[in-house]
Amino acid sequence: MEHPFIRSHNGSAFAVCVLFMLAALPAGADPSGDVRVAAVKLAGASSYEMTFTTAGKTATIDVIKPNTRRLRLQQGEFIFIDSVMYGKQPGRGWMKMPMSAAPGVSRFYDFVGRFPTSWAASSMHVTDVGTLKAGGEAMHAYRATDNGSLMLIYVAGDGYIHRVEVSALSTRSDGYFRFSKFNAVPPIHAPL
């Protein structure tokens, strides 16, 4: 059975389009190096927006270096500025609280802060898939395995990782991350 990340295409028109797009998109002789370079570029951005979807739920986090984040979930919103956390649930006002008040959110904050840097240093096994379309955008795709997860990593012509599709083989926890607003997230201020 074909894995859902492996896509097959037929037809010479498609082949001509792919060859045309490959000329404009980044690709090198070392797929692991290509992904590492894109991860380093993402880690070096002063800000970016990351939207993630898993189990039918979506959340968005704005990252502004070095220590400012805004997390928007269906259950509420959190703002992190240095070591201070502000939380707001639907129908309620903002509250200032210590990071220890919401350990799950706090762990996620730490994960997001390390995410691009950890990929830049990762020893993932990566193979070049070629050009694929995701979210309406044609990008260069790489299949990677790391710590029991299979990922499809999309790098756009600007050199940034724009999308990562994840299939955690051991937990069946599939989802995807979408990155945007590179160096363009508006300032985030304390709500209180």
C-alpha atoms as a PDB file:
ATOM      1  CA  MET A   1       0.000   0.000   0.000  1.00  0.00           C
ATOM      2  CA  GLU A   2       1.324   3.426  -0.907  1.00  0.00           C
ATOM      3  CA  HIS A   3       2.104   5.777   1.988  1.00  0.00           C
ATOM      4  CA  PRO A   4      -0.087   8.916   1.979  1.00  0.00           C
ATOM      5  CA  PHE A   5       2.992  11.140   1.618  1.00  0.00           C
ATOM      6  CA  ILE A   6       4.032   9.424  -1.606  1.00  0.00           C
ATOM      7  CA  ARG A   7       2.191  10.904  -4.508  1.00  0.00           C
ATOM      8  CA  SER A   8       2.227   9.541  -8.008  1.00  0.00           C
ATOM      9  CA  HIS A   9       1.550  11.597 -11.097  1.00  0.00           C
ATOM     10  CA  ASN A  10       1.043  10.587 -14.706  1.00  0.00           C
ATOM     11  CA  GLY A  11       1.242  12.473 -17.942  1.00  0.00           C
ATOM     12  CA  SER A  12       3.874  14.274 -19.931  1.00  0.00           C
ATOM     13  CA  ALA A  13       2.292  17.688 -19.284  1.00  0.00           C
ATOM     14  CA  PHE A  14       2.882  17.199 -15.590  1.00  0.00           C
ATOM     15  CA  ALA A  15       6.517  16.210 -16.252  1.00  0.00           C
ATOM     16  CA  VAL A  16       7.124  19.380 -18.285  1.00  0.00           C
ATOM     17  CA  CYS A  17       5.592  21.520 -15.493  1.00  0.00           C
ATOM     18  CA  VAL A  18       7.731  19.800 -12.867  1.00  0.00           C
ATOM     19  CA  LEU A  19      10.919  20.370 -14.870  1.00  0.00           C
ATOM     20  CA  PHE A  20      10.024  24.047 -15.273  1.00  0.00           C
ATOM     21  CA  MET A  21       9.323  24.463 -11.539  1.00  0.00           C
ATOM     22  CA  LEU A  22      12.479  22.596 -10.506  1.00  0.00           C
ATOM     23  CA  ALA A  23      14.580  25.203 -12.238  1.00  0.00           C
ATOM     24  CA  ALA A  24      13.127  27.900  -9.945  1.00  0.00           C
ATOM     25  CA  LEU A  25      13.129  26.024  -6.636  1.00  0.00           C
ATOM     26  CA  PRO A  26      16.074  25.214  -4.346  1.00  0.00           C
ATOM     27  CA  ALA A  27      17.649  21.782  -4.515  1.00  0.00           C
ATOM     28  CA  GLY A  28      21.132  20.519  -3.950  1.00  0.00           C
ATOM     29  CA  ALA A  29      23.097  17.325  -4.106  1.00  0.00           C
ATOM     30  CA  ASP A  30      22.677  16.782  -0.356  1.00  0.00           C
ATOM     31  CA  PRO A  31      19.014  16.569   0.753  1.00  0.00           C
ATOM     32  CA  SER A  32      19.964  16.567   4.461  1.00  0.00           C
ATOM     33  CA  GLY A  33      22.081  19.659   3.859  1.00  0.00           C
ATOM     34  CA  ASP A  34      19.218  21.358   1.980  1.00  0.00           C
ATOM     35  CA  VAL A  35      16.829  20.825   4.908  1.00  0.00           C
ATOM     36  CA  ARG A  36      19.500  21.897   7.404  1.00  0.00           C
ATOM     37  CA  VAL A  37      20.134  25.145   5.477  1.00  0.00           C
ATOM     38  CA  ALA A  38      16.383  25.900   5.382  1.00  0.00           C
ATOM     39  CA  ALA A  39      16.083  25.143   9.121  1.00  0.00           C
ATOM     40  CA  VAL A  40      19.030  27.439   9.887  1.00  0.00           C
ATOM     41  CA  LYS A  41      17.367  30.179   7.826  1.00  0.00           C
ATOM     42  CA  LEU A  42      14.099  29.706   9.746  1.00  0.00           C
ATOM     43  CA  ALA A  43      15.968  29.694  13.077  1.00  0.00           C
ATOM     44  CA  GLY A  44      17.645  32.954  12.032  1.00  0.00           C
ATOM     45  CA  ALA A  45      14.397  34.780  11.253  1.00  0.00           C
ATOM     46  CA  SER A  46      13.609  37.565  13.714  1.00  0.00           C
ATOM     47  CA  SER A  47       9.959  36.479  13.667  1.00  0.00           C
ATOM     48  CA  TYR A  48       7.561  34.052  12.009  1.00  0.00           C
ATOM     49  CA  GLU A  49       4.081  32.611  12.347  1.00  0.00           C
ATOM     50  CA  MET A  50       3.563  28.881  12.792  1.00  0.00           C
ATOM     51  CA  THR A  51       0.145  27.274  12.373  1.00  0.00           C
ATOM     52  CA  PHE A  52      -0.204  23.658  13.373  1.00  0.00           C
ATOM     53  CA  THR A  53      -3.036  21.206  12.899  1.00  0.00           C
ATOM     54  CA  THR A  54      -3.417  17.807  14.533  1.00  0.00           C
ATOM     55  CA  ALA A  55      -6.405  15.634  15.443  1.00  0.00           C
ATOM     56  CA  GLY A  56      -8.751  18.129  13.770  1.00  0.00           C
ATOM     57  CA  LYS A  57      -7.594  21.027  15.973  1.00  0.00           C
ATOM     58  CA  THR A  58      -5.674  24.064  14.802  1.00  0.00           C
ATOM     59  CA  ALA A  59      -3.575  26.576  16.705  1.00  0.00           C
ATOM     60  CA  THR A  60      -1.345  29.456  15.671  1.00  0.00           C
ATOM     61  CA  ILE A  61       1.731  30.811  17.374  1.00  0.00           C
ATOM     62  CA  ASP A  62       3.544  34.025  16.530  1.00  0.00           C
ATOM     63  CA  VAL A  63       7.235  33.937  17.415  1.00  0.00           C
ATOM     64  CA  ILE A  64       9.267  37.107  17.913  1.00  0.00           C
ATOM     65  CA  LYS A  65      12.880  36.643  18.923  1.00  0.00           C
ATOM     66  CA  PRO A  66      14.239  36.369  21.470  1.00  0.00           C
ATOM     67  CA  ASN A  67      11.465  35.582  23.992  1.00  0.00           C
ATOM     68  CA  THR A  68       8.029  36.714  22.850  1.00  0.00           C
ATOM     69  CA  ARG A  69       5.257  34.384  21.671  1.00  0.00           C
ATOM     70  CA  ARG A  70       1.493  34.580  21.160  1.00  0.00           C
ATOM     71  CA  LEU A  71      -0.405  31.283  21.097  1.00  0.00           C
ATOM     72  CA  ARG A  72      -3.986  31.281  19.792  1.00  0.00           C
ATOM     73  CA  LEU A  73      -6.084  28.173  20.426  1.00  0.00           C
ATOM     74  CA  GLN A  74      -9.795  27.436  20.244  1.00  0.00           C
ATOM     75  CA  GLN A  75      -9.790  27.373  24.061  1.00  0.00           C
ATOM     76  CA  GLY A  76      -8.140  30.778  24.444  1.00  0.00           C
ATOM     77  CA  GLU A  77      -5.028  32.820  23.899  1.00  0.00           C
ATOM     78  CA  PHE A  78      -1.666  33.050  25.657  1.00  0.00           C
ATOM     79  CA  ILE A  79       1.041  35.688  25.428  1.00  0.00           C
ATOM     80  CA  PHE A  80       4.554  34.974  26.675  1.00  0.00           C
ATOM     81  CA  ILE A  81       6.997  37.812  27.213  1.00  0.00           C
ATOM     82  CA  ASP A  82      10.272  36.636  28.707  1.00  0.00           C
ATOM     83  CA  SER A  83       9.216  34.515  31.725  1.00  0.00           C
ATOM     84  CA  VAL A  84       5.749  36.061  32.177  1.00  0.00           C
ATOM     85  CA  MET A  85       2.610  34.414  30.774  1.00  0.00           C
ATOM     86  CA  TYR A  86      -0.756  36.059  30.150  1.00  0.00           C
ATOM     87  CA  GLY A  87      -3.821  33.934  29.502  1.00  0.00           C
ATOM     88  CA  LYS A  88      -7.321  34.619  28.267  1.00  0.00           C
ATOM     89  CA  GLN A  89     -10.212  32.177  27.939  1.00  0.00           C
ATOM     90  CA  PRO A  90     -13.306  32.855  25.808  1.00  0.00           C
ATOM     91  CA  GLY A  91     -15.659  35.219  27.645  1.00  0.00           C
ATOM     92  CA  ARG A  92     -13.033  36.204  30.218  1.00  0.00           C
ATOM     93  CA  GLY A  93     -10.408  38.920  30.471  1.00  0.00           C
ATOM     94  CA  TRP A  94      -6.658  38.608  30.494  1.00  0.00           C
ATOM     95  CA  MET A  95      -4.874  37.183  33.538  1.00  0.00           C
ATOM     96  CA  LYS A  96      -1.178  37.392  34.396  1.00  0.00           C
ATOM     97  CA  MET A  97       0.206  34.114  35.715  1.00  0.00           C
ATOM     98  CA  PRO A  98       3.472  32.290  36.279  1.00  0.00           C
ATOM     99  CA  MET A  99       4.613  29.838  33.624  1.00  0.00           C
ATOM    100  CA  SER A 100       4.182  27.021  36.170  1.00  0.00           C
ATOM    101  CA  ALA A 101       0.399  27.637  36.185  1.00  0.00           C
ATOM    102  CA  ALA A 102       0.024  25.915  32.802  1.00  0.00           C
ATOM    103  CA  PRO A 103       2.774  23.278  32.457  1.00  0.00           C
ATOM    104  CA  GLY A 104       1.477  21.929  29.122  1.00  0.00           C
ATOM    105  CA  VAL A 105       1.475  25.385  27.546  1.00  0.00           C
ATOM    106  CA  SER A 106       4.849  26.067  29.112  1.00  0.00           C
ATOM    107  CA  ARG A 107       6.335  22.891  27.579  1.00  0.00           C
ATOM    108  CA  PHE A 108       4.907  23.882  24.196  1.00  0.00           C
ATOM    109  CA  TYR A 109       6.503  27.327  24.569  1.00  0.00           C
ATOM    110  CA  ASP A 110       9.868  25.627  25.126  1.00  0.00           C
ATOM    111  CA  PHE A 111       9.326  23.293  22.147  1.00  0.00           C
ATOM    112  CA  VAL A 112       8.515  26.168  19.793  1.00  0.00           C
ATOM    113  CA  GLY A 113      11.589  28.054  20.939  1.00  0.00           C
ATOM    114  CA  ARG A 114      13.845  25.094  20.122  1.00  0.00           C
ATOM    115  CA  PHE A 115      12.006  23.834  17.023  1.00  0.00           C
ATOM    116  CA  PRO A 116      13.997  25.316  14.092  1.00  0.00           C
ATOM    117  CA  THR A 117      17.320  25.147  15.936  1.00  0.00           C
ATOM    118  CA  SER A 118      16.844  21.472  16.778  1.00  0.00           C
ATOM    119  CA  TRP A 119      16.144  20.713  13.122  1.00  0.00           C
ATOM    120  CA  ALA A 120      19.239  22.588  12.064  1.00  0.00           C
ATOM    121  CA  ALA A 121      21.308  20.296  14.307  1.00  0.00           C
ATOM    122  CA  SER A 122      19.309  17.149  13.562  1.00  0.00           C
ATOM    123  CA  SER A 123      20.724  14.024  12.017  1.00  0.00           C
ATOM    124  CA  MET A 124      17.483  13.140  10.219  1.00  0.00           C
ATOM    125  CA  HIS A 125      17.634  10.782   7.277  1.00  0.00           C
ATOM    126  CA  VAL A 126      16.406  12.875   4.340  1.00  0.00           C
ATOM    127  CA  THR A 127      15.571  12.011   0.732  1.00  0.00           C
ATOM    128  CA  ASP A 128      14.688  14.405  -2.074  1.00  0.00           C
ATOM    129  CA  VAL A 129      11.106  13.939  -3.304  1.00  0.00           C
ATOM    130  CA  GLY A 130      11.119  16.701  -5.915  1.00  0.00           C
ATOM    131  CA  THR A 131       8.482  19.351  -6.459  1.00  0.00           C
ATOM    132  CA  LEU A 132       5.078  18.877  -4.844  1.00  0.00           C
ATOM    133  CA  LYS A 133       2.158  21.197  -4.308  1.00  0.00           C
ATOM    134  CA  ALA A 134       0.847  21.799  -0.775  1.00  0.00           C
ATOM    135  CA  GLY A 135      -1.514  24.490   0.431  1.00  0.00           C
ATOM    136  CA  GLY A 136      -1.777  25.790  -3.123  1.00  0.00           C
ATOM    137  CA  GLU A 137       1.981  26.370  -3.398  1.00  0.00           C
ATOM    138  CA  ALA A 138       4.536  24.395  -5.438  1.00  0.00           C
ATOM    139  CA  MET A 139       7.607  23.730  -3.298  1.00  0.00           C
ATOM    140  CA  HIS A 140      10.591  21.429  -3.137  1.00  0.00           C
ATOM    141  CA  ALA A 141       9.744  18.479  -0.878  1.00  0.00           C
ATOM    142  CA  TYR A 142      11.964  16.261   1.244  1.00  0.00           C
ATOM    143  CA  ARG A 143      10.972  13.060   3.037  1.00  0.00           C
ATOM    144  CA  ALA A 144      12.643  12.774   6.445  1.00  0.00           C
ATOM    145  CA  THR A 145      12.590  10.290   9.302  1.00  0.00           C
ATOM    146  CA  ASP A 146      13.475  11.324  12.831  1.00  0.00           C
ATOM    147  CA  ASN A 147      12.699   9.721  16.208  1.00  0.00           C
ATOM    148  CA  GLY A 148       9.869   7.512  14.973  1.00  0.00           C
ATOM    149  CA  SER A 149       8.245  10.183  12.829  1.00  0.00           C
ATOM    150  CA  LEU A 150       7.961  10.396   9.067  1.00  0.00           C
ATOM    151  CA  MET A 151       7.919  13.950   7.772  1.00  0.00           C
ATOM    152  CA  LEU A 152       7.443  15.640   4.462  1.00  0.00           C
ATOM    153  CA  ILE A 153       9.284  18.973   4.575  1.00  0.00           C
ATOM    154  CA  TYR A 154       8.464  21.640   1.984  1.00  0.00           C
ATOM    155  CA  VAL A 155      11.029  24.329   1.185  1.00  0.00           C
ATOM    156  CA  ALA A 156       9.835  27.242  -0.963  1.00  0.00           C
ATOM    157  CA  GLY A 157      11.822  29.316  -3.448  1.00  0.00           C
ATOM    158  CA  ASP A 158      12.611  31.868  -0.707  1.00  0.00           C
ATOM    159  CA  GLY A 159      14.682  29.196   1.074  1.00  0.00           C
ATOM    160  CA  TYR A 160      12.387  28.939   4.112  1.00  0.00           C
ATOM    161  CA  ILE A 161      10.568  25.840   5.294  1.00  0.00           C
ATOM    162  CA  HIS A 162       6.916  26.646   4.581  1.00  0.00           C
ATOM    163  CA  ARG A 163       5.244  23.395   5.575  1.00  0.00           C
ATOM    164  CA  VAL A 164       5.988  20.180   7.440  1.00  0.00           C
ATOM    165  CA  GLU A 165       3.607  17.218   7.352  1.00  0.00           C
ATOM    166  CA  VAL A 166       4.196  14.785  10.196  1.00  0.00           C
ATOM    167  CA  SER A 167       3.136  11.192  10.662  1.00  0.00           C
ATOM    168  CA  ALA A 168       4.186   9.884  14.076  1.00  0.00           C
ATOM    169  CA  LEU A 169       4.286   6.203  13.261  1.00  0.00           C
ATOM    170  CA  SER A 170       4.240   5.000  16.870  1.00  0.00           C
ATOM    171  CA  THR A 171       1.303   7.143  18.056  1.00  0.00           C
ATOM    172  CA  ARG A 172      -0.679   7.760  14.858  1.00  0.00           C
ATOM    173  CA  SER A 173      -0.535  11.454  15.721  1.00  0.00           C
ATOM    174  CA  ASP A 174      -0.555  12.998  12.257  1.00  0.00           C
ATOM    175  CA  GLY A 175      -0.568  16.707  11.598  1.00  0.00           C
ATOM    176  CA  TYR A 176       1.177  19.532   9.847  1.00  0.00           C
ATOM    177  CA  PHE A 177       2.976  22.789  10.569  1.00  0.00           C
ATOM    178  CA  ARG A 178       2.745  25.803   8.262  1.00  0.00           C
ATOM    179  CA  PHE A 179       5.263  28.651   8.519  1.00  0.00           C
ATOM    180  CA  SER A 180       4.693  32.186   7.211  1.00  0.00           C
ATOM    181  CA  LYS A 181       5.235  35.896   7.977  1.00  0.00           C
ATOM    182  CA  PHE A 182       9.015  35.494   8.054  1.00  0.00           C
ATOM    183  CA  ASN A 183      10.534  38.602   9.699  1.00  0.00           C
ATOM    184  CA  ALA A 184       7.098  40.248   9.482  1.00  0.00           C
ATOM    185  CA  VAL A 185       5.111  39.421  12.653  1.00  0.00           C
ATOM    186  CA  PRO A 186       3.783  42.656  14.206  1.00  0.00           C
ATOM    187  CA  PRO A 187       4.947  43.523  17.735  1.00  0.00           C
ATOM    188  CA  ILE A 188       3.328  41.692  20.646  1.00  0.00           C
ATOM    189  CA  HIS A 189       2.688  43.693  23.825  1.00  0.00           C
ATOM    190  CA  ALA A 190       1.639  42.700  27.334  1.00  0.00           C
ATOM    191  CA  PRO A 191      -2.176  42.929  27.500  1.00  0.00           C
ATOM    192  CA  LEU A 192      -2.135  44.177  31.120  1.00  0.00           C
END
